[in-house]
Amino acid sequence: MAVKLCEFLEINSKEGVYKVFAHWCLAMMTTFKEQNRDSESANAHRIAELAQRLISRLRQYPAISYADVAEMASRQGLPALAEILLDLETNVSRQVTAMLKLK
């Protein structure tokens, strides 16, 4: 709904839609971490499910950088999610830069 409101108000994509998606991605990661805080490490299946939820939304807006979302995942302590997202980054320069930050 927030995205539709940004589009209706004709807010610049970087100031509207991109920030809405960044906040949504961060909220999804935070919720994931809270739900899996008792497990020693979130299993690969759950991380893949989260990745698919993020990817399904991000595909609607190809100008949003997967590398930016991957860096956010890394800062949230989700390196496996960051790696999945980086594999989808089409800008090689951004991909390499983000990969170097992860290591």
N, C-alpha and C. Protein backbone atom coordinates (compact mmCIF):
# COMPACT_ATOMS: atom_id res chain seq x y z
N MET A 1 0.82 -1.19 0.00
CA MET A 1 0.00 0.00 0.00
C MET A 1 0.87 1.27 0.00
N ALA A 2 1.96 1.22 0.76
CA ALA A 2 2.86 2.37 0.81
C ALA A 2 3.46 2.65 -0.57
N VAL A 3 3.76 1.59 -1.30
CA VAL A 3 4.32 1.76 -2.65
C VAL A 3 3.28 2.43 -3.56
N LYS A 4 2.05 1.98 -3.48
CA LYS A 4 0.99 2.56 -4.30
C LYS A 4 0.80 4.04 -3.97
N LEU A 5 0.90 4.37 -2.68
CA LEU A 5 0.77 5.76 -2.26
C LEU A 5 1.90 6.61 -2.84
N CYS A 6 3.11 6.09 -2.81
CA CYS A 6 4.25 6.80 -3.40
C CYS A 6 4.03 7.03 -4.89
N GLU A 7 3.53 6.01 -5.56
CA GLU A 7 3.28 6.13 -7.00
C GLU A 7 2.16 7.14 -7.27
N PHE A 8 1.11 7.09 -6.46
CA PHE A 8 -0.01 8.00 -6.63
C PHE A 8 0.42 9.45 -6.42
N LEU A 9 1.26 9.68 -5.42
CA LEU A 9 1.73 11.03 -5.12
C LEU A 9 2.88 11.46 -6.02
N GLU A 10 3.28 10.55 -6.93
CA GLU A 10 4.35 10.81 -7.88
C GLU A 10 5.65 11.24 -7.19
N ILE A 11 5.95 10.54 -6.10
CA ILE A 11 7.20 10.79 -5.38
C ILE A 11 8.33 10.12 -6.14
N ASN A 12 9.44 10.81 -6.26
CA ASN A 12 10.63 10.28 -6.92
C ASN A 12 10.91 8.88 -6.39
N SER A 13 11.23 7.94 -7.28
CA SER A 13 11.43 6.53 -6.88
C SER A 13 12.46 6.38 -5.78
N LYS A 14 13.57 7.11 -5.86
CA LYS A 14 14.61 6.97 -4.84
C LYS A 14 14.15 7.49 -3.49
N GLU A 15 13.25 8.44 -3.49
CA GLU A 15 12.75 8.99 -2.23
C GLU A 15 11.52 8.25 -1.73
N GLY A 16 10.86 7.54 -2.60
CA GLY A 16 9.63 6.87 -2.22
C GLY A 16 9.72 5.37 -2.23
N VAL A 17 9.52 4.79 -3.40
CA VAL A 17 9.44 3.34 -3.54
C VAL A 17 10.68 2.64 -3.00
N TYR A 18 11.86 3.14 -3.33
CA TYR A 18 13.10 2.47 -2.90
C TYR A 18 13.22 2.47 -1.38
N LYS A 19 12.85 3.59 -0.76
CA LYS A 19 12.94 3.65 0.70
C LYS A 19 11.89 2.75 1.35
N VAL A 20 10.72 2.67 0.74
CA VAL A 20 9.68 1.77 1.26
C VAL A 20 10.18 0.33 1.20
N PHE A 21 10.76 -0.06 0.07
CA PHE A 21 11.28 -1.42 -0.06
C PHE A 21 12.45 -1.68 0.88
N ALA A 22 13.31 -0.70 1.05
CA ALA A 22 14.44 -0.87 1.98
C ALA A 22 13.91 -1.10 3.39
N HIS A 23 12.93 -0.33 3.79
CA HIS A 23 12.35 -0.51 5.13
C HIS A 23 11.66 -1.87 5.25
N TRP A 24 10.94 -2.27 4.20
CA TRP A 24 10.26 -3.57 4.22
C TRP A 24 11.27 -4.71 4.33
N CYS A 25 12.35 -4.63 3.56
CA CYS A 25 13.39 -5.67 3.62
C CYS A 25 14.00 -5.73 5.01
N LEU A 26 14.29 -4.58 5.59
CA LEU A 26 14.86 -4.55 6.93
C LEU A 26 13.89 -5.15 7.94
N ALA A 27 12.61 -4.83 7.82
CA ALA A 27 11.60 -5.39 8.72
C ALA A 27 11.52 -6.91 8.57
N MET A 28 11.59 -7.40 7.34
CA MET A 28 11.55 -8.85 7.11
C MET A 28 12.75 -9.53 7.75
N MET A 29 13.93 -8.93 7.62
CA MET A 29 15.14 -9.50 8.20
C MET A 29 15.09 -9.48 9.72
N THR A 30 14.60 -8.39 10.28
CA THR A 30 14.50 -8.27 11.74
C THR A 30 13.53 -9.31 12.28
N THR A 31 12.40 -9.46 11.64
CA THR A 31 11.41 -10.46 12.06
C THR A 31 12.01 -11.86 11.96
N PHE A 32 12.72 -12.14 10.88
CA PHE A 32 13.36 -13.44 10.70
C PHE A 32 14.33 -13.72 11.85
N LYS A 33 15.14 -12.74 12.18
CA LYS A 33 16.11 -12.92 13.26
C LYS A 33 15.42 -13.16 14.59
N GLU A 34 14.35 -12.43 14.86
CA GLU A 34 13.61 -12.61 16.11
C GLU A 34 12.99 -14.00 16.19
N GLN A 35 12.44 -14.47 15.10
CA GLN A 35 11.80 -15.78 15.08
C GLN A 35 12.81 -16.92 15.18
N ASN A 36 14.04 -16.67 14.80
CA ASN A 36 15.06 -17.71 14.80
C ASN A 36 16.15 -17.46 15.83
N ARG A 37 15.89 -16.60 16.80
CA ARG A 37 16.92 -16.24 17.77
C ARG A 37 17.30 -17.40 18.67
N ASP A 38 16.37 -18.32 18.93
CA ASP A 38 16.66 -19.44 19.81
C ASP A 38 17.48 -20.53 19.13
N SER A 39 17.39 -20.60 17.81
CA SER A 39 18.17 -21.62 17.11
C SER A 39 19.61 -21.12 16.99
N GLU A 40 20.54 -22.05 17.08
CA GLU A 40 21.96 -21.69 17.03
C GLU A 40 22.29 -20.97 15.73
N SER A 41 21.78 -21.48 14.65
CA SER A 41 21.91 -20.80 13.37
C SER A 41 20.69 -21.16 12.53
N ALA A 42 20.18 -20.15 11.83
CA ALA A 42 19.00 -20.41 11.00
C ALA A 42 19.40 -21.38 9.89
N ASN A 43 18.55 -22.37 9.67
CA ASN A 43 18.93 -23.36 8.65
C ASN A 43 18.78 -22.80 7.24
N ALA A 44 19.44 -23.43 6.32
CA ALA A 44 19.50 -22.95 4.93
C ALA A 44 18.12 -22.88 4.30
N HIS A 45 17.24 -23.80 4.68
CA HIS A 45 15.89 -23.81 4.10
C HIS A 45 15.13 -22.54 4.49
N ARG A 46 15.20 -22.14 5.75
CA ARG A 46 14.50 -20.93 6.19
C ARG A 46 15.09 -19.68 5.56
N ILE A 47 16.40 -19.66 5.43
CA ILE A 47 17.05 -18.51 4.79
C ILE A 47 16.64 -18.43 3.32
N ALA A 48 16.56 -19.58 2.65
CA ALA A 48 16.14 -19.61 1.24
C ALA A 48 14.70 -19.11 1.10
N GLU A 49 13.84 -19.47 2.05
CA GLU A 49 12.45 -18.99 2.02
C GLU A 49 12.40 -17.47 2.15
N LEU A 50 13.18 -16.93 3.09
CA LEU A 50 13.23 -15.47 3.25
C LEU A 50 13.76 -14.82 1.97
N ALA A 51 14.79 -15.39 1.40
CA ALA A 51 15.36 -14.85 0.16
C ALA A 51 14.30 -14.82 -0.94
N GLN A 52 13.53 -15.88 -1.07
CA GLN A 52 12.50 -15.92 -2.11
C GLN A 52 11.43 -14.86 -1.89
N ARG A 53 11.07 -14.61 -0.63
CA ARG A 53 10.08 -13.56 -0.35
C ARG A 53 10.63 -12.20 -0.77
N LEU A 54 11.88 -11.94 -0.42
CA LEU A 54 12.49 -10.66 -0.78
C LEU A 54 12.62 -10.53 -2.30
N ILE A 55 13.11 -11.58 -2.93
CA ILE A 55 13.34 -11.56 -4.37
C ILE A 55 12.04 -11.37 -5.14
N SER A 56 10.97 -12.02 -4.69
CA SER A 56 9.70 -11.91 -5.41
C SER A 56 9.20 -10.46 -5.43
N ARG A 57 9.47 -9.72 -4.38
CA ARG A 57 9.07 -8.31 -4.35
C ARG A 57 10.06 -7.44 -5.12
N LEU A 58 11.34 -7.70 -4.93
CA LEU A 58 12.36 -6.87 -5.56
C LEU A 58 12.34 -6.99 -7.09
N ARG A 59 11.92 -8.12 -7.60
CA ARG A 59 11.85 -8.30 -9.06
C ARG A 59 10.87 -7.33 -9.71
N GLN A 60 9.92 -6.84 -8.94
CA GLN A 60 8.94 -5.90 -9.48
C GLN A 60 9.58 -4.54 -9.79
N TYR A 61 10.73 -4.27 -9.18
CA TYR A 61 11.42 -3.00 -9.36
C TYR A 61 12.88 -3.27 -9.67
N PRO A 62 13.21 -3.56 -10.93
CA PRO A 62 14.57 -3.96 -11.30
C PRO A 62 15.65 -2.92 -11.01
N ALA A 63 15.28 -1.68 -10.83
CA ALA A 63 16.29 -0.65 -10.55
C ALA A 63 16.82 -0.73 -9.12
N ILE A 64 16.15 -1.46 -8.26
CA ILE A 64 16.62 -1.61 -6.88
C ILE A 64 17.78 -2.59 -6.89
N SER A 65 18.85 -2.20 -6.26
CA SER A 65 20.08 -3.00 -6.27
C SER A 65 20.01 -4.14 -5.25
N TYR A 66 20.23 -5.35 -5.75
CA TYR A 66 20.33 -6.50 -4.85
C TYR A 66 21.54 -6.36 -3.94
N ALA A 67 22.58 -5.69 -4.43
CA ALA A 67 23.79 -5.50 -3.62
C ALA A 67 23.48 -4.65 -2.39
N ASP A 68 22.64 -3.63 -2.55
CA ASP A 68 22.27 -2.80 -1.40
C ASP A 68 21.52 -3.62 -0.36
N VAL A 69 20.61 -4.45 -0.81
CA VAL A 69 19.84 -5.29 0.11
C VAL A 69 20.75 -6.34 0.74
N ALA A 70 21.70 -6.85 -0.04
CA ALA A 70 22.67 -7.83 0.48
C ALA A 70 23.52 -7.21 1.59
N GLU A 71 23.95 -5.97 1.39
CA GLU A 71 24.73 -5.29 2.43
C GLU A 71 23.90 -5.11 3.69
N MET A 72 22.62 -4.83 3.52
CA MET A 72 21.72 -4.71 4.66
C MET A 72 21.64 -6.06 5.39
N ALA A 73 21.53 -7.14 4.64
CA ALA A 73 21.47 -8.48 5.24
C ALA A 73 22.75 -8.78 6.00
N SER A 74 23.87 -8.39 5.44
CA SER A 74 25.15 -8.62 6.11
C SER A 74 25.21 -7.85 7.43
N ARG A 75 24.77 -6.60 7.41
CA ARG A 75 24.76 -5.80 8.65
C ARG A 75 23.82 -6.39 9.69
N GLN A 76 22.80 -7.11 9.24
CA GLN A 76 21.85 -7.73 10.17
C GLN A 76 22.34 -9.10 10.65
N GLY A 77 23.53 -9.49 10.23
CA GLY A 77 24.08 -10.77 10.66
C GLY A 77 23.53 -11.96 9.90
N LEU A 78 23.15 -11.73 8.65
CA LEU A 78 22.60 -12.79 7.80
C LEU A 78 23.47 -12.95 6.54
N PRO A 79 24.71 -13.43 6.71
CA PRO A 79 25.62 -13.53 5.56
C PRO A 79 25.15 -14.50 4.48
N ALA A 80 24.47 -15.57 4.86
CA ALA A 80 23.99 -16.53 3.85
C ALA A 80 22.94 -15.87 2.96
N LEU A 81 22.08 -15.06 3.55
CA LEU A 81 21.08 -14.32 2.77
C LEU A 81 21.78 -13.32 1.86
N ALA A 82 22.78 -12.66 2.38
CA ALA A 82 23.53 -11.68 1.58
C ALA A 82 24.15 -12.35 0.34
N GLU A 83 24.69 -13.53 0.51
CA GLU A 83 25.30 -14.24 -0.62
C GLU A 83 24.27 -14.59 -1.69
N ILE A 84 23.09 -15.04 -1.25
CA ILE A 84 22.02 -15.37 -2.20
C ILE A 84 21.64 -14.14 -3.01
N LEU A 85 21.47 -13.02 -2.33
CA LEU A 85 21.06 -11.79 -3.00
C LEU A 85 22.15 -11.27 -3.94
N LEU A 86 23.40 -11.39 -3.52
CA LEU A 86 24.49 -10.92 -4.37
C LEU A 86 24.60 -11.71 -5.67
N ASP A 87 24.22 -12.95 -5.63
CA ASP A 87 24.24 -13.76 -6.86
C ASP A 87 23.30 -13.20 -7.92
N LEU A 88 22.30 -12.43 -7.49
CA LEU A 88 21.31 -11.87 -8.42
C LEU A 88 21.65 -10.46 -8.89
N GLU A 89 22.66 -9.86 -8.30
CA GLU A 89 23.05 -8.50 -8.69
C GLU A 89 23.59 -8.52 -10.12
N THR A 90 23.05 -7.67 -10.97
CA THR A 90 23.46 -7.65 -12.38
C THR A 90 24.62 -6.70 -12.64
N ASN A 91 24.82 -5.74 -11.76
CA ASN A 91 25.93 -4.79 -11.91
C ASN A 91 27.16 -5.41 -11.26
N VAL A 92 28.09 -5.86 -12.09
CA VAL A 92 29.27 -6.59 -11.60
C VAL A 92 30.09 -5.74 -10.64
N SER A 93 30.23 -4.47 -10.93
CA SER A 93 31.01 -3.59 -10.06
C SER A 93 30.40 -3.53 -8.66
N ARG A 94 29.09 -3.35 -8.60
CA ARG A 94 28.41 -3.31 -7.29
C ARG A 94 28.50 -4.67 -6.60
N GLN A 95 28.39 -5.73 -7.39
CA GLN A 95 28.46 -7.09 -6.84
C GLN A 95 29.81 -7.33 -6.18
N VAL A 96 30.88 -7.01 -6.89
CA VAL A 96 32.23 -7.23 -6.36
C VAL A 96 32.48 -6.36 -5.13
N THR A 97 32.07 -5.10 -5.20
CA THR A 97 32.25 -4.20 -4.05
C THR A 97 31.54 -4.75 -2.82
N ALA A 98 30.31 -5.21 -3.00
CA ALA A 98 29.55 -5.76 -1.87
C ALA A 98 30.18 -7.05 -1.36
N MET A 99 30.67 -7.89 -2.27
CA MET A 99 31.31 -9.14 -1.86
C MET A 99 32.55 -8.87 -1.02
N LEU A 100 33.32 -7.88 -1.41
CA LEU A 100 34.52 -7.53 -0.65
C LEU A 100 34.16 -7.03 0.75
N LYS A 101 33.03 -6.34 0.87
CA LYS A 101 32.59 -5.88 2.19
C LYS A 101 32.16 -7.05 3.07
N LEU A 102 31.66 -8.12 2.45
CA LEU A 102 31.20 -9.28 3.22
C LEU A 102 32.37 -10.08 3.79
N LYS A 103 33.49 -10.07 3.12
CA LYS A 103 34.62 -10.92 3.53
C LYS A 103 35.46 -10.28 4.59
